[in-house]
Amino acid sequence: MCLGIPMRVVEINGSLATVESGGVRREVSIQLVEGVQVGDYVIVHAGFAISVLDEDLAQETLAIIEEMASLASGA
């Protein structure tokens, strides 16, 4: 199963962006999406931003992922 994670763009340098989620920062390619700006949320999979999504949907998705992780750990 593949999983794309919503991450917020904090910096753009050419075709690469620094993205962040939960305090984790990664550098990803933004070549597959157009019009990405700092502050946007993107779905990240295998080192690539594959789509842009609105902040409300990103936050909802991150909350679900956090809930699933909590359930999996038995917390």
Protein backbone atom coordinates (compact mmCIF):
# COMPACT_ATOMS: atom_id res chain seq x y z
CA MET A 1 0.00 0.00 0.00
CA CYS A 2 1.24 3.48 -0.85
CA LEU A 3 0.61 6.43 1.39
CA GLY A 4 0.92 10.10 0.52
CA ILE A 5 1.38 12.47 3.45
CA PRO A 6 0.14 16.07 3.56
CA MET A 7 3.05 18.41 4.24
CA ARG A 8 3.28 22.21 4.33
CA VAL A 9 5.70 23.95 1.97
CA VAL A 10 8.10 26.13 3.97
CA GLU A 11 10.64 27.01 1.28
CA ILE A 12 10.98 26.74 -2.49
CA ASN A 13 14.28 26.62 -4.35
CA GLY A 14 13.75 26.05 -8.06
CA SER A 15 12.13 22.65 -8.60
CA LEU A 16 12.69 21.58 -4.98
CA ALA A 17 10.71 22.48 -1.90
CA THR A 18 11.34 22.04 1.79
CA VAL A 19 8.19 20.64 3.36
CA GLU A 20 7.25 20.05 6.99
CA SER A 21 4.83 17.94 8.98
CA GLY A 22 4.92 17.17 12.67
CA GLY A 23 8.30 18.86 13.07
CA VAL A 24 9.86 16.71 10.33
CA ARG A 25 11.34 18.54 7.34
CA ARG A 26 12.12 16.98 3.98
CA GLU A 27 13.24 18.21 0.59
CA VAL A 28 10.95 17.08 -2.23
CA SER A 29 10.60 17.66 -5.95
CA ILE A 30 7.72 19.90 -7.02
CA GLN A 31 8.15 19.19 -10.74
CA LEU A 32 4.86 17.27 -10.91
CA VAL A 33 2.65 20.11 -9.61
CA GLU A 34 2.17 23.63 -10.92
CA GLY A 35 1.77 26.83 -8.97
CA VAL A 36 3.01 25.59 -5.60
CA GLN A 37 3.69 28.43 -3.17
CA VAL A 38 5.17 28.69 0.31
CA GLY A 39 2.39 27.92 2.80
CA ASP A 40 0.58 25.47 0.49
CA TYR A 41 -0.07 21.91 1.56
CA VAL A 42 1.01 19.18 -0.82
CA ILE A 43 0.64 15.42 -0.83
CA VAL A 44 4.14 13.92 -0.69
CA HIS A 45 4.92 10.42 -1.93
CA ALA A 46 8.35 8.93 -2.57
CA GLY A 47 10.12 12.30 -2.57
CA PHE A 48 7.68 14.04 -4.89
CA ALA A 49 4.83 16.47 -4.29
CA ILE A 50 2.03 14.85 -6.29
CA SER A 51 -0.85 17.28 -5.66
CA VAL A 52 -1.80 20.46 -3.85
CA LEU A 53 -4.65 20.40 -1.34
CA ASP A 54 -6.42 22.96 0.80
CA GLU A 55 -5.42 23.46 4.41
CA ASP A 56 -8.69 22.17 5.89
CA LEU A 57 -8.40 18.84 4.08
CA ALA A 58 -4.70 18.61 4.96
CA GLN A 59 -5.43 19.15 8.67
CA GLU A 60 -8.28 16.63 8.62
CA THR A 61 -6.06 14.03 6.92
CA LEU A 62 -3.20 14.61 9.37
CA ALA A 63 -5.61 14.18 12.31
CA ILE A 64 -6.81 10.85 10.89
CA ILE A 65 -3.22 9.65 10.39
CA GLU A 66 -2.38 10.65 13.97
CA GLU A 67 -5.46 8.82 15.27
CA MET A 68 -4.52 5.67 13.32
CA ALA A 69 -0.98 5.79 14.72
CA SER A 70 -2.35 6.18 18.24
CA LEU A 71 -4.66 3.19 17.80
CA ALA A 72 -1.86 1.08 16.32
CA SER A 73 0.43 1.82 19.27
CA GLY A 74 -2.30 0.96 21.76
CA ALA A 75 -2.24 4.41 23.35
